[in-house]
Amino acid sequence: MLVPDRLADEPSIADAMCAAGFAPGAHPGSWLGRGQIAVDLMTPEALSGPKSRRSAKLRPPHDDKWTARRTLGLEPAVVDNDIHVITELTGESTRSFRLKVAGPAALMVSKVVKIAERRDQPNRLKPKDGLDVLRLLRAIETAQLARGLEKLLAQDLSRRVVEHAMRELRTLATGPEELLPSLAAAAEFDGHDEIRMSTVALVEDLLAEFDAAGIR
């Protein structure tokens, strides 16, 4: 994710991507490297400048229309993030990087917004997105997740998209046959009924926490 006002003046992102062996893909923000390795560069909708169909409007020298894609739902990640040390996955190297990673509340919002946006485009829905929501609900204490969302509601940058996401969440998992439980179940090989019911119950718990705190 790119935050426009935090970008250095040089090199341009497009030049840096090309120097690393990437070429622009079929859509703004899509870059393809050796072996068809894909990288998506995205900017929060609220920080992407004047409205356009998909391109983020960045300041020079990053203003090539193919550099980044504007994406609703990323705004909370600008507010809710922590530094994590990312190491080599194979253990064969001592390389490590300190990177900002979106927090649970920000991840929840982005996933819910993404699913809601694609509800009328079944070919773009991904079961993994539903399963990711369930994993967040299972891994993070409900009260902790609600507190994180409450903090995001207090920030001008993220308030509107969080309100939108929570409205959508109230419709996406009202029963086991709704879209969110169905996606989560489709991502697993077995236990479909348990996954559906677990998704509905955990969403209800989170919304109840919201309502009890007067969060809407």
C-alpha atoms as a PDB file:
ATOM      1  CA  MET A   1       0.000   0.000   0.000  1.00  0.00           C
ATOM      2  CA  LEU A   2       1.235   3.477  -0.896  1.00  0.00           C
ATOM      3  CA  VAL A   3       0.521   6.530   1.250  1.00  0.00           C
ATOM      4  CA  PRO A   4       0.998   9.467  -1.170  1.00  0.00           C
ATOM      5  CA  ASP A   5       2.275  12.108   1.273  1.00  0.00           C
ATOM      6  CA  ARG A   6       4.893   9.698   2.640  1.00  0.00           C
ATOM      7  CA  LEU A   7       6.565   8.946  -0.699  1.00  0.00           C
ATOM      8  CA  ALA A   8      10.120  10.095  -1.305  1.00  0.00           C
ATOM      9  CA  ASP A   9      10.770  12.424  -4.234  1.00  0.00           C
ATOM     10  CA  GLU A  10      13.029   9.925  -6.006  1.00  0.00           C
ATOM     11  CA  PRO A  11      13.285   7.514  -7.572  1.00  0.00           C
ATOM     12  CA  SER A  12       9.846   7.367  -9.118  1.00  0.00           C
ATOM     13  CA  ILE A  13       7.981   4.217  -8.143  1.00  0.00           C
ATOM     14  CA  ALA A  14       7.611   3.224 -11.796  1.00  0.00           C
ATOM     15  CA  ASP A  15      11.378   3.532 -12.349  1.00  0.00           C
ATOM     16  CA  ALA A  16      12.109   1.542  -9.199  1.00  0.00           C
ATOM     17  CA  MET A  17       9.710  -1.235 -10.223  1.00  0.00           C
ATOM     18  CA  CYS A  18      11.182  -1.444 -13.711  1.00  0.00           C
ATOM     19  CA  ALA A  19      14.729  -1.490 -12.303  1.00  0.00           C
ATOM     20  CA  ALA A  20      13.694  -4.452 -10.125  1.00  0.00           C
ATOM     21  CA  GLY A  21      12.542  -6.374 -13.184  1.00  0.00           C
ATOM     22  CA  PHE A  22       8.824  -5.614 -13.087  1.00  0.00           C
ATOM     23  CA  ALA A  23       6.683  -4.414 -15.972  1.00  0.00           C
ATOM     24  CA  PRO A  24       3.215  -2.821 -15.903  1.00  0.00           C
ATOM     25  CA  GLY A  25       0.379  -5.350 -16.038  1.00  0.00           C
ATOM     26  CA  ALA A  26      -3.059  -5.126 -17.598  1.00  0.00           C
ATOM     27  CA  HIS A  27      -4.469  -2.736 -14.981  1.00  0.00           C
ATOM     28  CA  PRO A  28      -3.191   0.291 -13.025  1.00  0.00           C
ATOM     29  CA  GLY A  29      -1.168  -0.825 -10.021  1.00  0.00           C
ATOM     30  CA  SER A  30      -0.574  -4.319 -11.422  1.00  0.00           C
ATOM     31  CA  TRP A  31       3.092  -5.217 -11.947  1.00  0.00           C
ATOM     32  CA  LEU A  32       4.512  -8.466 -13.283  1.00  0.00           C
ATOM     33  CA  GLY A  33       8.023  -9.709 -12.556  1.00  0.00           C
ATOM     34  CA  ARG A  34      10.125 -12.651 -13.651  1.00  0.00           C
ATOM     35  CA  GLY A  35       8.218 -15.924 -13.570  1.00  0.00           C
ATOM     36  CA  GLN A  36       4.940 -13.960 -13.747  1.00  0.00           C
ATOM     37  CA  ILE A  37       5.307 -12.918 -10.107  1.00  0.00           C
ATOM     38  CA  ALA A  38       2.525 -10.364  -9.539  1.00  0.00           C
ATOM     39  CA  VAL A  39       2.694  -7.346  -7.248  1.00  0.00           C
ATOM     40  CA  ASP A  40      -0.256  -4.992  -6.720  1.00  0.00           C
ATOM     41  CA  LEU A  41       0.469  -1.405  -5.687  1.00  0.00           C
ATOM     42  CA  MET A  42      -2.625   0.212  -4.176  1.00  0.00           C
ATOM     43  CA  THR A  43      -3.498   3.545  -2.597  1.00  0.00           C
ATOM     44  CA  PRO A  44      -6.458   4.234  -0.278  1.00  0.00           C
ATOM     45  CA  GLU A  45      -9.367   5.733  -2.198  1.00  0.00           C
ATOM     46  CA  ALA A  46      -9.543   8.737   0.144  1.00  0.00           C
ATOM     47  CA  LEU A  47      -5.898   9.610  -0.623  1.00  0.00           C
ATOM     48  CA  SER A  48      -5.958   8.935  -4.362  1.00  0.00           C
ATOM     49  CA  GLY A  49      -6.757  12.425  -5.627  1.00  0.00           C
ATOM     50  CA  PRO A  50      -9.455  13.417  -8.132  1.00  0.00           C
ATOM     51  CA  LYS A  51     -11.833  10.621  -9.028  1.00  0.00           C
ATOM     52  CA  SER A  52     -10.814   8.355 -11.871  1.00  0.00           C
ATOM     53  CA  ARG A  53     -11.887   4.856 -12.799  1.00  0.00           C
ATOM     54  CA  ARG A  54      -8.969   2.925 -11.317  1.00  0.00           C
ATOM     55  CA  SER A  55      -5.739   4.932 -11.336  1.00  0.00           C
ATOM     56  CA  ALA A  56      -4.480   6.631  -8.185  1.00  0.00           C
ATOM     57  CA  LYS A  57      -3.545  10.252  -8.801  1.00  0.00           C
ATOM     58  CA  LEU A  58      -0.102  10.652  -7.244  1.00  0.00           C
ATOM     59  CA  ARG A  59       2.157  13.689  -7.243  1.00  0.00           C
ATOM     60  CA  PRO A  60       5.212  13.892  -9.537  1.00  0.00           C
ATOM     61  CA  PRO A  61       7.390  11.976 -10.151  1.00  0.00           C
ATOM     62  CA  HIS A  62       5.023   9.127  -9.244  1.00  0.00           C
ATOM     63  CA  ASP A  63       2.137  10.321 -11.421  1.00  0.00           C
ATOM     64  CA  ASP A  64       2.288   7.707 -14.173  1.00  0.00           C
ATOM     65  CA  LYS A  65      -1.285   6.412 -14.453  1.00  0.00           C
ATOM     66  CA  TRP A  66      -0.087   2.790 -14.280  1.00  0.00           C
ATOM     67  CA  THR A  67       1.812   3.170 -11.006  1.00  0.00           C
ATOM     68  CA  ALA A  68      -0.937   2.456  -8.453  1.00  0.00           C
ATOM     69  CA  ARG A  69      -4.603   1.531  -8.204  1.00  0.00           C
ATOM     70  CA  ARG A  70      -7.095   3.427  -6.031  1.00  0.00           C
ATOM     71  CA  THR A  71      -8.799   1.053  -3.603  1.00  0.00           C
ATOM     72  CA  LEU A  72     -11.594   1.664  -1.122  1.00  0.00           C
ATOM     73  CA  GLY A  73     -11.097  -0.043   2.239  1.00  0.00           C
ATOM     74  CA  LEU A  74      -7.377   0.550   2.760  1.00  0.00           C
ATOM     75  CA  GLU A  75      -7.816   3.803   4.685  1.00  0.00           C
ATOM     76  CA  PRO A  76      -7.850   2.095   8.125  1.00  0.00           C
ATOM     77  CA  ALA A  77      -4.460   0.498   7.435  1.00  0.00           C
ATOM     78  CA  VAL A  78      -2.894   3.973   7.393  1.00  0.00           C
ATOM     79  CA  VAL A  79      -4.088   4.396  11.001  1.00  0.00           C
ATOM     80  CA  ASP A  80      -4.026   0.815  12.343  1.00  0.00           C
ATOM     81  CA  ASN A  81      -0.610  -0.778  11.760  1.00  0.00           C
ATOM     82  CA  ASP A  82       2.393  -2.082  13.662  1.00  0.00           C
ATOM     83  CA  ILE A  83       6.031  -2.814  12.847  1.00  0.00           C
ATOM     84  CA  HIS A  84       6.760  -6.519  12.381  1.00  0.00           C
ATOM     85  CA  VAL A  85      10.069  -8.212  11.570  1.00  0.00           C
ATOM     86  CA  ILE A  86       9.654 -10.333   8.428  1.00  0.00           C
ATOM     87  CA  THR A  87      12.318 -13.023   7.997  1.00  0.00           C
ATOM     88  CA  GLU A  88      13.354 -15.462   5.279  1.00  0.00           C
ATOM     89  CA  LEU A  89      10.677 -18.198   5.040  1.00  0.00           C
ATOM     90  CA  THR A  90      13.074 -21.062   4.260  1.00  0.00           C
ATOM     91  CA  GLY A  91      15.458 -20.315   7.103  1.00  0.00           C
ATOM     92  CA  GLU A  92      18.376 -20.428   4.681  1.00  0.00           C
ATOM     93  CA  SER A  93      19.123 -16.723   5.009  1.00  0.00           C
ATOM     94  CA  THR A  94      19.518 -14.247   7.868  1.00  0.00           C
ATOM     95  CA  ARG A  95      17.805 -11.480   5.939  1.00  0.00           C
ATOM     96  CA  SER A  96      15.020  -9.663   7.735  1.00  0.00           C
ATOM     97  CA  PHE A  97      12.994  -6.512   7.208  1.00  0.00           C
ATOM     98  CA  ARG A  98      11.048  -4.282   9.562  1.00  0.00           C
ATOM     99  CA  LEU A  99       7.749  -3.621   7.825  1.00  0.00           C
ATOM    100  CA  LYS A 100       4.486  -1.965   8.736  1.00  0.00           C
ATOM    101  CA  VAL A 101       1.665  -4.525   8.772  1.00  0.00           C
ATOM    102  CA  ALA A 102      -2.027  -3.647   9.001  1.00  0.00           C
ATOM    103  CA  GLY A 103      -3.680  -4.451  12.332  1.00  0.00           C
ATOM    104  CA  PRO A 104      -6.649  -6.821  12.781  1.00  0.00           C
ATOM    105  CA  ALA A 105      -9.320  -4.103  12.686  1.00  0.00           C
ATOM    106  CA  ALA A 106      -7.913  -2.631   9.470  1.00  0.00           C
ATOM    107  CA  LEU A 107      -7.683  -6.077   7.887  1.00  0.00           C
ATOM    108  CA  MET A 108     -11.278  -6.841   8.859  1.00  0.00           C
ATOM    109  CA  VAL A 109     -12.529  -3.640   7.240  1.00  0.00           C
ATOM    110  CA  SER A 110     -10.602  -4.176   4.004  1.00  0.00           C
ATOM    111  CA  LYS A 111     -11.862  -7.757   3.636  1.00  0.00           C
ATOM    112  CA  VAL A 112     -15.501  -6.864   4.329  1.00  0.00           C
ATOM    113  CA  VAL A 113     -15.400  -3.949   1.869  1.00  0.00           C
ATOM    114  CA  LYS A 114     -13.812  -6.154  -0.784  1.00  0.00           C
ATOM    115  CA  ILE A 115     -16.440  -8.894  -0.409  1.00  0.00           C
ATOM    116  CA  ALA A 116     -19.313  -6.389  -0.392  1.00  0.00           C
ATOM    117  CA  GLU A 117     -18.022  -4.675  -3.542  1.00  0.00           C
ATOM    118  CA  ARG A 118     -17.926  -7.976  -5.409  1.00  0.00           C
ATOM    119  CA  ARG A 119     -21.233  -9.479  -4.250  1.00  0.00           C
ATOM    120  CA  ASP A 120     -22.770  -8.789  -7.667  1.00  0.00           C
ATOM    121  CA  GLN A 121     -19.692 -10.076  -9.529  1.00  0.00           C
ATOM    122  CA  PRO A 122     -19.488 -13.767  -8.570  1.00  0.00           C
ATOM    123  CA  ASN A 123     -16.528 -14.362 -10.875  1.00  0.00           C
ATOM    124  CA  ARG A 124     -14.448 -11.953  -8.751  1.00  0.00           C
ATOM    125  CA  LEU A 125     -15.414 -13.385  -5.356  1.00  0.00           C
ATOM    126  CA  LYS A 126     -12.687 -15.416  -3.646  1.00  0.00           C
ATOM    127  CA  PRO A 127     -13.523 -17.971  -0.944  1.00  0.00           C
ATOM    128  CA  LYS A 128     -10.220 -17.168   0.780  1.00  0.00           C
ATOM    129  CA  ASP A 129     -11.465 -13.653   1.580  1.00  0.00           C
ATOM    130  CA  GLY A 130     -14.375 -15.105   3.534  1.00  0.00           C
ATOM    131  CA  LEU A 131     -12.070 -17.515   5.325  1.00  0.00           C
ATOM    132  CA  ASP A 132      -9.713 -14.660   6.195  1.00  0.00           C
ATOM    133  CA  VAL A 133     -12.584 -12.852   7.928  1.00  0.00           C
ATOM    134  CA  LEU A 134     -13.405 -15.988   9.906  1.00  0.00           C
ATOM    135  CA  ARG A 135      -9.757 -16.444  10.885  1.00  0.00           C
ATOM    136  CA  LEU A 136      -9.618 -12.878  12.179  1.00  0.00           C
ATOM    137  CA  LEU A 137     -12.815 -13.387  14.170  1.00  0.00           C
ATOM    138  CA  ARG A 138     -11.404 -16.581  15.679  1.00  0.00           C
ATOM    139  CA  ALA A 139      -7.896 -15.309  16.354  1.00  0.00           C
ATOM    140  CA  ILE A 140      -8.700 -11.902  17.891  1.00  0.00           C
ATOM    141  CA  GLU A 141     -10.757 -11.463  21.039  1.00  0.00           C
ATOM    142  CA  THR A 142     -14.097  -9.871  20.165  1.00  0.00           C
ATOM    143  CA  ALA A 143     -13.631  -7.012  22.632  1.00  0.00           C
ATOM    144  CA  GLN A 144     -10.151  -6.280  21.278  1.00  0.00           C
ATOM    145  CA  LEU A 145     -11.406  -6.212  17.692  1.00  0.00           C
ATOM    146  CA  ALA A 146     -14.297  -3.939  18.654  1.00  0.00           C
ATOM    147  CA  ARG A 147     -11.908  -1.552  20.428  1.00  0.00           C
ATOM    148  CA  GLY A 148      -9.738  -1.443  17.319  1.00  0.00           C
ATOM    149  CA  LEU A 149     -12.722  -0.588  15.149  1.00  0.00           C
ATOM    150  CA  GLU A 150     -13.838   2.062  17.651  1.00  0.00           C
ATOM    151  CA  LYS A 151     -10.412   3.730  17.402  1.00  0.00           C
ATOM    152  CA  LEU A 152     -10.705   3.752  13.618  1.00  0.00           C
ATOM    153  CA  LEU A 153     -14.125   5.393  13.865  1.00  0.00           C
ATOM    154  CA  ALA A 154     -12.492   8.220  15.818  1.00  0.00           C
ATOM    155  CA  GLN A 155     -10.153   9.063  12.902  1.00  0.00           C
ATOM    156  CA  ASP A 156     -11.352  11.290  10.053  1.00  0.00           C
ATOM    157  CA  LEU A 157      -9.431   9.302   7.441  1.00  0.00           C
ATOM    158  CA  SER A 158     -10.950   5.936   8.327  1.00  0.00           C
ATOM    159  CA  ARG A 159     -14.359   6.800   9.837  1.00  0.00           C
ATOM    160  CA  ARG A 160     -16.466   6.702   6.691  1.00  0.00           C
ATOM    161  CA  VAL A 161     -15.093   3.449   5.333  1.00  0.00           C
ATOM    162  CA  VAL A 162     -15.408   1.745   8.735  1.00  0.00           C
ATOM    163  CA  GLU A 163     -19.052   2.825   8.988  1.00  0.00           C
ATOM    164  CA  HIS A 164     -19.591   1.452   5.484  1.00  0.00           C
ATOM    165  CA  ALA A 165     -17.907  -1.846   6.323  1.00  0.00           C
ATOM    166  CA  MET A 166     -19.937  -2.354   9.488  1.00  0.00           C
ATOM    167  CA  ARG A 167     -23.201  -1.696   7.642  1.00  0.00           C
ATOM    168  CA  GLU A 168     -22.200  -4.285   5.078  1.00  0.00           C
ATOM    169  CA  LEU A 169     -21.188  -6.791   7.748  1.00  0.00           C
ATOM    170  CA  ARG A 170     -24.707  -6.614   9.189  1.00  0.00           C
ATOM    171  CA  THR A 171     -26.050  -7.994   5.885  1.00  0.00           C
ATOM    172  CA  LEU A 172     -23.282 -10.393   4.822  1.00  0.00           C
ATOM    173  CA  ALA A 173     -23.655 -12.956   7.621  1.00  0.00           C
ATOM    174  CA  THR A 174     -27.249 -12.819   8.881  1.00  0.00           C
ATOM    175  CA  GLY A 175     -27.601 -16.573   8.310  1.00  0.00           C
ATOM    176  CA  PRO A 176     -25.484 -19.616   7.351  1.00  0.00           C
ATOM    177  CA  GLU A 177     -26.476 -19.381   3.686  1.00  0.00           C
ATOM    178  CA  GLU A 178     -25.438 -15.745   3.288  1.00  0.00           C
ATOM    179  CA  LEU A 179     -22.400 -14.667   1.292  1.00  0.00           C
ATOM    180  CA  LEU A 180     -19.724 -14.402   3.999  1.00  0.00           C
ATOM    181  CA  PRO A 181     -20.356 -17.829   5.619  1.00  0.00           C
ATOM    182  CA  SER A 182     -20.671 -19.393   2.168  1.00  0.00           C
ATOM    183  CA  LEU A 183     -17.307 -18.044   1.045  1.00  0.00           C
ATOM    184  CA  ALA A 184     -15.603 -19.189   4.239  1.00  0.00           C
ATOM    185  CA  ALA A 185     -17.074 -22.685   3.879  1.00  0.00           C
ATOM    186  CA  ALA A 186     -16.107 -22.902   0.204  1.00  0.00           C
ATOM    187  CA  ALA A 187     -12.462 -22.334   1.107  1.00  0.00           C
ATOM    188  CA  GLU A 188     -12.297 -25.503   3.239  1.00  0.00           C
ATOM    189  CA  PHE A 189     -12.488 -29.175   2.252  1.00  0.00           C
ATOM    190  CA  ASP A 190     -14.757 -30.286   5.091  1.00  0.00           C
ATOM    191  CA  GLY A 191     -16.706 -29.041   8.109  1.00  0.00           C
ATOM    192  CA  HIS A 192     -18.805 -26.729   5.943  1.00  0.00           C
ATOM    193  CA  ASP A 193     -21.782 -26.565   8.323  1.00  0.00           C
ATOM    194  CA  GLU A 194     -19.546 -25.850  11.310  1.00  0.00           C
ATOM    195  CA  ILE A 195     -17.724 -23.100   9.411  1.00  0.00           C
ATOM    196  CA  ARG A 196     -20.973 -21.468   8.323  1.00  0.00           C
ATOM    197  CA  MET A 197     -22.425 -21.454  11.835  1.00  0.00           C
ATOM    198  CA  SER A 198     -19.153 -20.327  13.394  1.00  0.00           C
ATOM    199  CA  THR A 199     -18.964 -17.376  11.001  1.00  0.00           C
ATOM    200  CA  VAL A 200     -22.525 -16.277  11.787  1.00  0.00           C
ATOM    201  CA  ALA A 201     -22.040 -16.617  15.559  1.00  0.00           C
ATOM    202  CA  LEU A 202     -18.773 -14.685  15.638  1.00  0.00           C
ATOM    203  CA  VAL A 203     -20.144 -11.880  13.470  1.00  0.00           C
ATOM    204  CA  GLU A 204     -23.152 -11.641  15.792  1.00  0.00           C
ATOM    205  CA  ASP A 205     -20.809 -11.430  18.791  1.00  0.00           C
ATOM    206  CA  LEU A 206     -18.830  -8.614  17.199  1.00  0.00           C
ATOM    207  CA  LEU A 207     -21.942  -6.649  16.254  1.00  0.00           C
ATOM    208  CA  ALA A 208     -23.351  -7.152  19.750  1.00  0.00           C
ATOM    209  CA  GLU A 209     -20.139  -5.691  21.172  1.00  0.00           C
ATOM    210  CA  PHE A 210     -20.595  -2.712  18.868  1.00  0.00           C
ATOM    211  CA  ASP A 211     -24.207  -2.212  19.890  1.00  0.00           C
ATOM    212  CA  ALA A 212     -23.410  -2.517  23.595  1.00  0.00           C
ATOM    213  CA  ALA A 213     -20.797   0.216  23.249  1.00  0.00           C
ATOM    214  CA  GLY A 214     -23.117   2.423  21.235  1.00  0.00           C
ATOM    215  CA  ILE A 215     -20.956   2.038  18.117  1.00  0.00           C
ATOM    216  CA  ARG A 216     -22.842   2.252  14.813  1.00  0.00           C
END
